[in-house]
Amino acid sequence: MKASELDKIFDDNQEDILEHFDTSKIKMINEEPKRVNIDFPVWMVKSLDKEAKRVGVSRQAVIKMWLAEKLQSLNSTAATI
């Protein structure tokens, strides 16, 4: 298929264009997990567990969400400076 034909399908919203690509080997850059060990004080673990229970997710999920929010905030602040 020519690129112009694919562009037309996309522009006209005729069908899902992903059907025309081999997505079996797609990898997100920097998305593979990397194990990190970190020690927290007991009070912090208890607070993390309390929040995890409140929102219905694991302690690890809470830590990941909070770190992601903070890092995104730092990145957007740095981008505006």
PDB file of N, CA and C in Angstrom:
ATOM      1  N   MET A   1       0.851  -1.178   0.000  1.00  0.00           N
ATOM      2  CA  MET A   1       0.000   0.000   0.000  1.00  0.00           C
ATOM      3  C   MET A   1       0.895   1.240   0.000  1.00  0.00           C
ATOM      4  N   LYS A   2       0.533   2.203  -0.798  1.00  0.00           N
ATOM      5  CA  LYS A   2       1.282   3.446  -0.863  1.00  0.00           C
ATOM      6  C   LYS A   2       0.927   4.329   0.335  1.00  0.00           C
ATOM      7  N   ALA A   3       1.851   5.171   0.711  1.00  0.00           N
ATOM      8  CA  ALA A   3       1.637   6.076   1.843  1.00  0.00           C
ATOM      9  C   ALA A   3       0.447   6.994   1.603  1.00  0.00           C
ATOM     10  N   SER A   4       0.260   7.401   0.352  1.00  0.00           N
ATOM     11  CA  SER A   4      -0.868   8.288   0.036  1.00  0.00           C
ATOM     12  C   SER A   4      -2.211   7.578   0.263  1.00  0.00           C
ATOM     13  N   GLU A   5      -2.252   6.269  -0.027  1.00  0.00           N
ATOM     14  CA  GLU A   5      -3.477   5.503   0.212  1.00  0.00           C
ATOM     15  C   GLU A   5      -3.751   5.370   1.712  1.00  0.00           C
ATOM     16  N   LEU A   6      -2.688   5.116   2.477  1.00  0.00           N
ATOM     17  CA  LEU A   6      -2.825   5.020   3.928  1.00  0.00           C
ATOM     18  C   LEU A   6      -3.258   6.359   4.515  1.00  0.00           C
ATOM     19  N   ASP A   7      -2.688   7.447   4.023  1.00  0.00           N
ATOM     20  CA  ASP A   7      -3.083   8.787   4.474  1.00  0.00           C
ATOM     21  C   ASP A   7      -4.567   9.030   4.226  1.00  0.00           C
ATOM     22  N   LYS A   8      -5.041   8.633   3.051  1.00  0.00           N
ATOM     23  CA  LYS A   8      -6.454   8.835   2.721  1.00  0.00           C
ATOM     24  C   LYS A   8      -7.365   8.043   3.651  1.00  0.00           C
ATOM     25  N   ILE A   9      -6.997   6.785   3.916  1.00  0.00           N
ATOM     26  CA  ILE A   9      -7.788   5.967   4.837  1.00  0.00           C
ATOM     27  C   ILE A   9      -7.833   6.623   6.210  1.00  0.00           C
ATOM     28  N   PHE A  10      -6.681   7.103   6.663  1.00  0.00           N
ATOM     29  CA  PHE A  10      -6.611   7.765   7.972  1.00  0.00           C
ATOM     30  C   PHE A  10      -7.433   9.047   7.976  1.00  0.00           C
ATOM     31  N   ASP A  11      -7.229   9.875   6.968  1.00  0.00           N
ATOM     32  CA  ASP A  11      -7.929  11.167   6.900  1.00  0.00           C
ATOM     33  C   ASP A  11      -9.443  11.001   6.791  1.00  0.00           C
ATOM     34  N   ASP A  12      -9.873   9.990   6.055  1.00  0.00           N
ATOM     35  CA  ASP A  12     -11.304   9.763   5.872  1.00  0.00           C
ATOM     36  C   ASP A  12     -11.917   8.952   7.008  1.00  0.00           C
ATOM     37  N   ASN A  13     -11.052   8.475   7.920  1.00  0.00           N
ATOM     38  CA  ASN A  13     -11.506   7.684   9.055  1.00  0.00           C
ATOM     39  C   ASN A  13     -12.331   6.485   8.590  1.00  0.00           C
ATOM     40  N   GLN A  14     -11.887   5.870   7.503  1.00  0.00           N
ATOM     41  CA  GLN A  14     -12.623   4.757   6.899  1.00  0.00           C
ATOM     42  C   GLN A  14     -12.491   3.469   7.708  1.00  0.00           C
ATOM     43  N   GLU A  15     -11.328   3.256   8.303  1.00  0.00           N
ATOM     44  CA  GLU A  15     -11.092   2.024   9.052  1.00  0.00           C
ATOM     45  C   GLU A  15      -9.914   2.233   9.991  1.00  0.00           C
ATOM     46  N   ASP A  16      -9.689   1.249  10.825  1.00  0.00           N
ATOM     47  CA  ASP A  16      -8.557   1.284  11.737  1.00  0.00           C
ATOM     48  C   ASP A  16      -7.289   1.023  10.938  1.00  0.00           C
ATOM     49  N   ILE A  17      -6.410   2.009  10.870  1.00  0.00           N
ATOM     50  CA  ILE A  17      -5.201   1.852  10.056  1.00  0.00           C
ATOM     51  C   ILE A  17      -4.179   0.921  10.690  1.00  0.00           C
ATOM     52  N   LEU A  18      -4.330   0.611  11.970  1.00  0.00           N
ATOM     53  CA  LEU A  18      -3.382  -0.301  12.606  1.00  0.00           C
ATOM     54  C   LEU A  18      -3.426  -1.689  11.977  1.00  0.00           C
ATOM     55  N   GLU A  19      -4.522  -2.009  11.322  1.00  0.00           N
ATOM     56  CA  GLU A  19      -4.640  -3.298  10.636  1.00  0.00           C
ATOM     57  C   GLU A  19      -3.582  -3.431   9.536  1.00  0.00           C
ATOM     58  N   HIS A  20      -3.025  -2.331   9.094  1.00  0.00           N
ATOM     59  CA  HIS A  20      -2.048  -2.326   8.013  1.00  0.00           C
ATOM     60  C   HIS A  20      -0.606  -2.370   8.520  1.00  0.00           C
ATOM     61  N   PHE A  21      -0.422  -2.521   9.837  1.00  0.00           N
ATOM     62  CA  PHE A  21       0.910  -2.535  10.430  1.00  0.00           C
ATOM     63  C   PHE A  21       1.116  -3.815  11.223  1.00  0.00           C
ATOM     64  N   ASP A  22       2.352  -4.256  11.295  1.00  0.00           N
ATOM     65  CA  ASP A  22       2.706  -5.396  12.137  1.00  0.00           C
ATOM     66  C   ASP A  22       3.050  -4.843  13.519  1.00  0.00           C
ATOM     67  N   THR A  23       2.127  -4.990  14.455  1.00  0.00           N
ATOM     68  CA  THR A  23       2.318  -4.434  15.807  1.00  0.00           C
ATOM     69  C   THR A  23       2.863  -5.466  16.784  1.00  0.00           C
ATOM     70  N   SER A  24       3.204  -6.654  16.298  1.00  0.00           N
ATOM     71  CA  SER A  24       3.632  -7.730  17.195  1.00  0.00           C
ATOM     72  C   SER A  24       4.976  -7.447  17.863  1.00  0.00           C
ATOM     73  N   LYS A  25       5.765  -6.585  17.278  1.00  0.00           N
ATOM     74  CA  LYS A  25       7.096  -6.336  17.826  1.00  0.00           C
ATOM     75  C   LYS A  25       7.276  -4.910  18.342  1.00  0.00           C
ATOM     76  N   ILE A  26       6.185  -4.221  18.565  1.00  0.00           N
ATOM     77  CA  ILE A  26       6.267  -2.849  19.065  1.00  0.00           C
ATOM     78  C   ILE A  26       6.752  -2.864  20.502  1.00  0.00           C
ATOM     79  N   LYS A  27       7.694  -2.007  20.800  1.00  0.00           N
ATOM     80  CA  LYS A  27       8.192  -1.855  22.167  1.00  0.00           C
ATOM     81  C   LYS A  27       8.181  -0.374  22.521  1.00  0.00           C
ATOM     82  N   MET A  28       7.704  -0.092  23.703  1.00  0.00           N
ATOM     83  CA  MET A  28       7.732   1.279  24.195  1.00  0.00           C
ATOM     84  C   MET A  28       9.145   1.572  24.689  1.00  0.00           C
ATOM     85  N   ILE A  29       9.685   2.680  24.288  1.00  0.00           N
ATOM     86  CA  ILE A  29      11.026   3.061  24.702  1.00  0.00           C
ATOM     87  C   ILE A  29      11.010   3.415  26.182  1.00  0.00           C
ATOM     88  N   ASN A  30      11.959   2.914  26.917  1.00  0.00           N
ATOM     89  CA  ASN A  30      12.115   3.164  28.355  1.00  0.00           C
ATOM     90  C   ASN A  30      10.931   2.698  29.182  1.00  0.00           C
ATOM     91  N   GLU A  31      10.170   1.720  28.701  1.00  0.00           N
ATOM     92  CA  GLU A  31       9.018   1.221  29.444  1.00  0.00           C
ATOM     93  C   GLU A  31       9.266  -0.149  30.071  1.00  0.00           C
ATOM     94  N   GLU A  32      10.397  -0.779  29.763  1.00  0.00           N
ATOM     95  CA  GLU A  32      10.650  -2.072  30.369  1.00  0.00           C
ATOM     96  C   GLU A  32      10.939  -1.873  31.860  1.00  0.00           C
ATOM     97  N   PRO A  33      10.441  -2.783  32.696  1.00  0.00           N
ATOM     98  CA  PRO A  33      10.604  -2.603  34.137  1.00  0.00           C
ATOM     99  C   PRO A  33      12.059  -2.744  34.572  1.00  0.00           C
ATOM    100  N   LYS A  34      12.416  -1.995  35.564  1.00  0.00           N
ATOM    101  CA  LYS A  34      13.743  -2.050  36.177  1.00  0.00           C
ATOM    102  C   LYS A  34      13.533  -2.151  37.678  1.00  0.00           C
ATOM    103  N   ARG A  35      13.986  -3.233  38.277  1.00  0.00           N
ATOM    104  CA  ARG A  35      13.789  -3.451  39.704  1.00  0.00           C
ATOM    105  C   ARG A  35      14.683  -2.502  40.503  1.00  0.00           C
ATOM    106  N   VAL A  36      14.072  -1.853  41.497  1.00  0.00           N
ATOM    107  CA  VAL A  36      14.782  -0.934  42.378  1.00  0.00           C
ATOM    108  C   VAL A  36      14.381  -1.266  43.810  1.00  0.00           C
ATOM    109  N   ASN A  37      15.353  -1.426  44.668  1.00  0.00           N
ATOM    110  CA  ASN A  37      15.070  -1.666  46.081  1.00  0.00           C
ATOM    111  C   ASN A  37      15.252  -0.370  46.846  1.00  0.00           C
ATOM    112  N   ILE A  38      14.315  -0.085  47.721  1.00  0.00           N
ATOM    113  CA  ILE A  38      14.382   1.147  48.501  1.00  0.00           C
ATOM    114  C   ILE A  38      13.861   0.864  49.909  1.00  0.00           C
ATOM    115  N   ASP A  39      14.504   1.424  50.891  1.00  0.00           N
ATOM    116  CA  ASP A  39      14.083   1.255  52.279  1.00  0.00           C
ATOM    117  C   ASP A  39      13.301   2.479  52.717  1.00  0.00           C
ATOM    118  N   PHE A  40      12.128   2.235  53.341  1.00  0.00           N
ATOM    119  CA  PHE A  40      11.288   3.301  53.870  1.00  0.00           C
ATOM    120  C   PHE A  40      11.172   3.138  55.375  1.00  0.00           C
ATOM    121  N   PRO A  41      11.024   4.241  56.091  1.00  0.00           N
ATOM    122  CA  PRO A  41      10.732   4.120  57.518  1.00  0.00           C
ATOM    123  C   PRO A  41       9.354   3.473  57.719  1.00  0.00           C
ATOM    124  N   VAL A  42       9.162   2.831  58.845  1.00  0.00           N
ATOM    125  CA  VAL A  42       7.920   2.116  59.125  1.00  0.00           C
ATOM    126  C   VAL A  42       6.711   3.029  58.999  1.00  0.00           C
ATOM    127  N   TRP A  43       6.798   4.257  59.493  1.00  0.00           N
ATOM    128  CA  TRP A  43       5.647   5.161  59.434  1.00  0.00           C
ATOM    129  C   TRP A  43       5.229   5.426  57.990  1.00  0.00           C
ATOM    130  N   MET A  44       6.227   5.477  57.101  1.00  0.00           N
ATOM    131  CA  MET A  44       5.937   5.749  55.696  1.00  0.00           C
ATOM    132  C   MET A  44       5.248   4.541  55.046  1.00  0.00           C
ATOM    133  N   VAL A  45       5.706   3.338  55.363  1.00  0.00           N
ATOM    134  CA  VAL A  45       5.090   2.123  54.830  1.00  0.00           C
ATOM    135  C   VAL A  45       3.643   2.028  55.299  1.00  0.00           C
ATOM    136  N   LYS A  46       3.408   2.346  56.564  1.00  0.00           N
ATOM    137  CA  LYS A  46       2.037   2.312  57.088  1.00  0.00           C
ATOM    138  C   LYS A  46       1.154   3.324  56.362  1.00  0.00           C
ATOM    139  N   SER A  47       1.681   4.497  56.116  1.00  0.00           N
ATOM    140  CA  SER A  47       0.917   5.522  55.392  1.00  0.00           C
ATOM    141  C   SER A  47       0.646   5.086  53.949  1.00  0.00           C
ATOM    142  N   LEU A  48       1.640   4.484  53.312  1.00  0.00           N
ATOM    143  CA  LEU A  48       1.457   3.980  51.951  1.00  0.00           C
ATOM    144  C   LEU A  48       0.402   2.877  51.911  1.00  0.00           C
ATOM    145  N   ASP A  49       0.454   1.978  52.884  1.00  0.00           N
ATOM    146  CA  ASP A  49      -0.528   0.894  52.945  1.00  0.00           C
ATOM    147  C   ASP A  49      -1.931   1.434  53.175  1.00  0.00           C
ATOM    148  N   LYS A  50      -2.039   2.451  54.024  1.00  0.00           N
ATOM    149  CA  LYS A  50      -3.351   3.058  54.297  1.00  0.00           C
ATOM    150  C   LYS A  50      -3.923   3.677  53.022  1.00  0.00           C
ATOM    151  N   GLU A  51      -3.087   4.398  52.283  1.00  0.00           N
ATOM    152  CA  GLU A  51      -3.539   5.022  51.034  1.00  0.00           C
ATOM    153  C   GLU A  51      -3.864   3.963  49.986  1.00  0.00           C
ATOM    154  N   ALA A  52      -3.047   2.926  49.911  1.00  0.00           N
ATOM    155  CA  ALA A  52      -3.290   1.847  48.950  1.00  0.00           C
ATOM    156  C   ALA A  52      -4.636   1.184  49.225  1.00  0.00           C
ATOM    157  N   LYS A  53      -4.926   0.945  50.483  1.00  0.00           N
ATOM    158  CA  LYS A  53      -6.212   0.331  50.838  1.00  0.00           C
ATOM    159  C   LYS A  53      -7.365   1.273  50.505  1.00  0.00           C
ATOM    160  N   ARG A  54      -7.175   2.569  50.767  1.00  0.00           N
ATOM    161  CA  ARG A  54      -8.225   3.552  50.506  1.00  0.00           C
ATOM    162  C   ARG A  54      -8.611   3.596  49.030  1.00  0.00           C
ATOM    163  N   VAL A  55      -7.610   3.562  48.138  1.00  0.00           N
ATOM    164  CA  VAL A  55      -7.896   3.658  46.704  1.00  0.00           C
ATOM    165  C   VAL A  55      -8.028   2.296  46.031  1.00  0.00           C
ATOM    166  N   GLY A  56      -7.742   1.220  46.770  1.00  0.00           N
ATOM    167  CA  GLY A  56      -7.938  -0.120  46.241  1.00  0.00           C
ATOM    168  C   GLY A  56      -6.870  -0.599  45.286  1.00  0.00           C
ATOM    169  N   VAL A  57      -5.637  -0.205  45.555  1.00  0.00           N
ATOM    170  CA  VAL A  57      -4.521  -0.664  44.728  1.00  0.00           C
ATOM    171  C   VAL A  57      -3.395  -1.151  45.641  1.00  0.00           C
ATOM    172  N   SER A  58      -2.335  -1.658  45.059  1.00  0.00           N
ATOM    173  CA  SER A  58      -1.201  -2.137  45.850  1.00  0.00           C
ATOM    174  C   SER A  58      -0.328  -0.967  46.309  1.00  0.00           C
ATOM    175  N   ARG A  59       0.492  -1.250  47.301  1.00  0.00           N
ATOM    176  CA  ARG A  59       1.462  -0.250  47.775  1.00  0.00           C
ATOM    177  C   ARG A  59       2.353   0.188  46.615  1.00  0.00           C
ATOM    178  N   GLN A  60       2.805  -0.778  45.827  1.00  0.00           N
ATOM    179  CA  GLN A  60       3.680  -0.469  44.695  1.00  0.00           C
ATOM    180  C   GLN A  60       2.991   0.469  43.701  1.00  0.00           C
ATOM    181  N   ALA A  61       1.703   0.242  43.465  1.00  0.00           N
ATOM    182  CA  ALA A  61       0.963   1.094  42.537  1.00  0.00           C
ATOM    183  C   ALA A  61       0.882   2.528  43.052  1.00  0.00           C
ATOM    184  N   VAL A  62       0.674   2.681  44.352  1.00  0.00           N
ATOM    185  CA  VAL A  62       0.629   4.035  44.942  1.00  0.00           C
ATOM    186  C   VAL A  62       1.967   4.732  44.741  1.00  0.00           C
ATOM    187  N   ILE A  63       3.038   4.027  45.038  1.00  0.00           N
ATOM    188  CA  ILE A  63       4.375   4.619  44.882  1.00  0.00           C
ATOM    189  C   ILE A  63       4.616   5.015  43.432  1.00  0.00           C
ATOM    190  N   LYS A  64       4.278   4.140  42.496  1.00  0.00           N
ATOM    191  CA  LYS A  64       4.474   4.442  41.075  1.00  0.00           C
ATOM    192  C   LYS A  64       3.638   5.641  40.634  1.00  0.00           C
ATOM    193  N   MET A  65       2.378   5.691  41.071  1.00  0.00           N
ATOM    194  CA  MET A  65       1.504   6.804  40.682  1.00  0.00           C
ATOM    195  C   MET A  65       2.057   8.125  41.202  1.00  0.00           C
ATOM    196  N   TRP A  66       2.440   8.143  42.480  1.00  0.00           N
ATOM    197  CA  TRP A  66       2.938   9.388  43.073  1.00  0.00           C
ATOM    198  C   TRP A  66       4.252   9.832  42.445  1.00  0.00           C
ATOM    199  N   LEU A  67       5.143   8.884  42.199  1.00  0.00           N
ATOM    200  CA  LEU A  67       6.408   9.246  41.553  1.00  0.00           C
ATOM    201  C   LEU A  67       6.178   9.754  40.128  1.00  0.00           C
ATOM    202  N   ALA A  68       5.295   9.096  39.404  1.00  0.00           N
ATOM    203  CA  ALA A  68       5.000   9.534  38.035  1.00  0.00           C
ATOM    204  C   ALA A  68       4.415  10.937  38.028  1.00  0.00           C
ATOM    205  N   GLU A  69       3.482  11.214  38.949  1.00  0.00           N
ATOM    206  CA  GLU A  69       2.891  12.554  39.035  1.00  0.00           C
ATOM    207  C   GLU A  69       3.957  13.598  39.334  1.00  0.00           C
ATOM    208  N   LYS A  70       4.829  13.304  40.276  1.00  0.00           N
ATOM    209  CA  LYS A  70       5.878  14.264  40.658  1.00  0.00           C
ATOM    210  C   LYS A  70       6.855  14.485  39.500  1.00  0.00           C
ATOM    211  N   LEU A  71       7.264  13.417  38.852  1.00  0.00           N
ATOM    212  CA  LEU A  71       8.215  13.543  37.740  1.00  0.00           C
ATOM    213  C   LEU A  71       7.600  14.304  36.561  1.00  0.00           C
ATOM    214  N   GLN A  72       6.325  14.048  36.276  1.00  0.00           N
ATOM    215  CA  GLN A  72       5.652  14.797  35.207  1.00  0.00           C
ATOM    216  C   GLN A  72       5.553  16.263  35.568  1.00  0.00           C
ATOM    217  N   SER A  73       5.269  16.542  36.819  1.00  0.00           N
ATOM    218  CA  SER A  73       5.190  17.924  37.282  1.00  0.00           C
ATOM    219  C   SER A  73       6.546  18.625  37.140  1.00  0.00           C
ATOM    220  N   LEU A  74       7.594  17.933  37.529  1.00  0.00           N
ATOM    221  CA  LEU A  74       8.936  18.502  37.399  1.00  0.00           C
ATOM    222  C   LEU A  74       9.298  18.724  35.947  1.00  0.00           C
ATOM    223  N   ASN A  75       8.946  17.769  35.078  1.00  0.00           N
ATOM    224  CA  ASN A  75       9.239  17.898  33.651  1.00  0.00           C
ATOM    225  C   ASN A  75       8.481  19.047  33.015  1.00  0.00           C
ATOM    226  N   SER A  76       7.222  19.238  33.389  1.00  0.00           N
ATOM    227  CA  SER A  76       6.463  20.343  32.787  1.00  0.00           C
ATOM    228  C   SER A  76       6.920  21.682  33.343  1.00  0.00           C
ATOM    229  N   THR A  77       7.375  21.697  34.591  1.00  0.00           N
ATOM    230  CA  THR A  77       7.916  22.941  35.159  1.00  0.00           C
ATOM    231  C   THR A  77       9.220  23.304  34.458  1.00  0.00           C
ATOM    232  N   ALA A  78      10.060  22.307  34.232  1.00  0.00           N
ATOM    233  CA  ALA A  78      11.334  22.555  33.558  1.00  0.00           C
ATOM    234  C   ALA A  78      11.126  23.010  32.125  1.00  0.00           C
ATOM    235  N   ALA A  79      10.068  22.515  31.488  1.00  0.00           N
ATOM    236  CA  ALA A  79       9.805  22.868  30.095  1.00  0.00           C
ATOM    237  C   ALA A  79       9.344  24.320  29.964  1.00  0.00           C
ATOM    238  N   THR A  80       8.754  24.887  31.025  1.00  0.00           N
ATOM    239  CA  THR A  80       8.244  26.263  30.950  1.00  0.00           C
ATOM    240  C   THR A  80       9.286  27.289  31.369  1.00  0.00           C
ATOM    241  N   ILE A  81      10.400  26.824  31.890  1.00  0.00           N
ATOM    242  CA  ILE A  81      11.436  27.777  32.340  1.00  0.00           C
ATOM    243  C   ILE A  81      12.280  28.232  31.178  1.00  0.00           C
TER     244      ILE A  81
END
